[in-house]
Amino acid sequence: MTENKTFGEMMQELEHIVKQLDDDQISLESSLELYQKGMALSKSCEATLKDAEEKVAKLIENEEDLSDESES
């Protein structure tokens, strides 16, 4: 479902789901379906952010290692 979507696309879809869930006219069944889809999107966004954080941490670590080597 979310495998080929960018983080921005997933966030936009999540925002759309939240707006739909705010609608008082939506059925219980539709609400549950949207909630499940929203939770899956939320988990995908969280995983994407965690992956990005790990990449940034590695880049910073590599930069520090290179800086330490050049000072020696």
Protein backbone atom coordinates (compact mmCIF):
# COMPACT_ATOMS: atom_id res chain seq x y z
CA MET A 1 0.00 0.00 0.00
CA THR A 2 2.63 2.57 1.02
CA GLU A 3 5.72 0.94 -0.49
CA ASN A 4 6.14 3.30 -3.45
CA LYS A 5 4.93 6.51 -1.81
CA THR A 6 7.15 9.33 -0.64
CA PHE A 7 6.98 10.60 2.92
CA GLY A 8 5.18 13.71 1.70
CA GLU A 9 2.59 11.68 -0.19
CA MET A 10 1.95 9.50 2.85
CA MET A 11 1.53 12.59 5.05
CA GLN A 12 -0.92 14.15 2.58
CA GLU A 13 -2.94 10.95 2.51
CA LEU A 14 -2.89 10.80 6.30
CA GLU A 15 -4.15 14.39 6.49
CA HIS A 16 -6.94 13.52 4.04
CA ILE A 17 -7.93 10.55 6.21
CA VAL A 18 -8.05 12.72 9.32
CA LYS A 19 -10.33 15.20 7.52
CA GLN A 20 -12.61 12.34 6.46
CA LEU A 21 -12.72 11.00 10.01
CA ASP A 22 -13.76 14.46 11.25
CA ASP A 23 -16.87 14.25 9.06
CA ASP A 24 -19.90 13.49 11.23
CA GLN A 25 -21.71 11.88 8.30
CA ILE A 26 -19.23 9.02 7.84
CA SER A 27 -20.42 5.51 8.73
CA LEU A 28 -18.87 3.44 11.49
CA GLU A 29 -17.62 0.89 8.97
CA SER A 30 -15.95 3.58 6.87
CA SER A 31 -14.46 5.15 10.00
CA LEU A 32 -12.92 1.85 11.05
CA GLU A 33 -11.52 1.25 7.56
CA LEU A 34 -10.04 4.74 7.42
CA TYR A 35 -8.62 4.39 10.92
CA GLN A 36 -6.86 1.15 9.97
CA LYS A 37 -5.47 2.73 6.81
CA GLY A 38 -4.35 5.77 8.81
CA MET A 39 -2.57 3.60 11.37
CA ALA A 40 -0.72 1.74 8.61
CA LEU A 41 0.32 5.04 7.04
CA SER A 42 1.43 6.34 10.43
CA LYS A 43 3.63 3.29 10.96
CA SER A 44 5.14 3.72 7.50
CA CYS A 45 5.85 7.39 8.18
CA GLU A 46 7.45 6.50 11.50
CA ALA A 47 9.66 3.88 9.83
CA THR A 48 10.68 6.37 7.13
CA LEU A 49 11.61 8.97 9.75
CA LYS A 50 13.57 6.43 11.79
CA ASP A 51 15.50 5.37 8.69
CA ALA A 52 16.28 9.01 7.86
CA GLU A 53 17.45 9.66 11.43
CA GLU A 54 19.78 6.65 11.26
CA LYS A 55 21.23 7.85 7.96
CA VAL A 56 21.83 11.34 9.36
CA ALA A 57 23.47 9.88 12.47
CA LYS A 58 25.81 7.79 10.27
CA LEU A 59 26.68 10.82 8.14
CA ILE A 60 27.50 12.85 11.25
CA GLU A 61 29.57 9.99 12.65
CA ASN A 62 31.49 9.63 9.37
CA GLU A 63 32.08 13.38 9.25
CA GLU A 64 33.43 13.35 12.80
CA ASP A 65 35.71 10.42 11.96
CA LEU A 66 37.09 12.27 8.94
CA SER A 67 37.59 15.40 11.03
CA ASP A 68 39.46 13.41 13.69
CA GLU A 69 41.68 11.82 11.05
CA SER A 70 42.57 15.16 9.49
CA GLU A 71 43.55 16.60 12.88
CA SER A 72 45.97 13.76 13.50
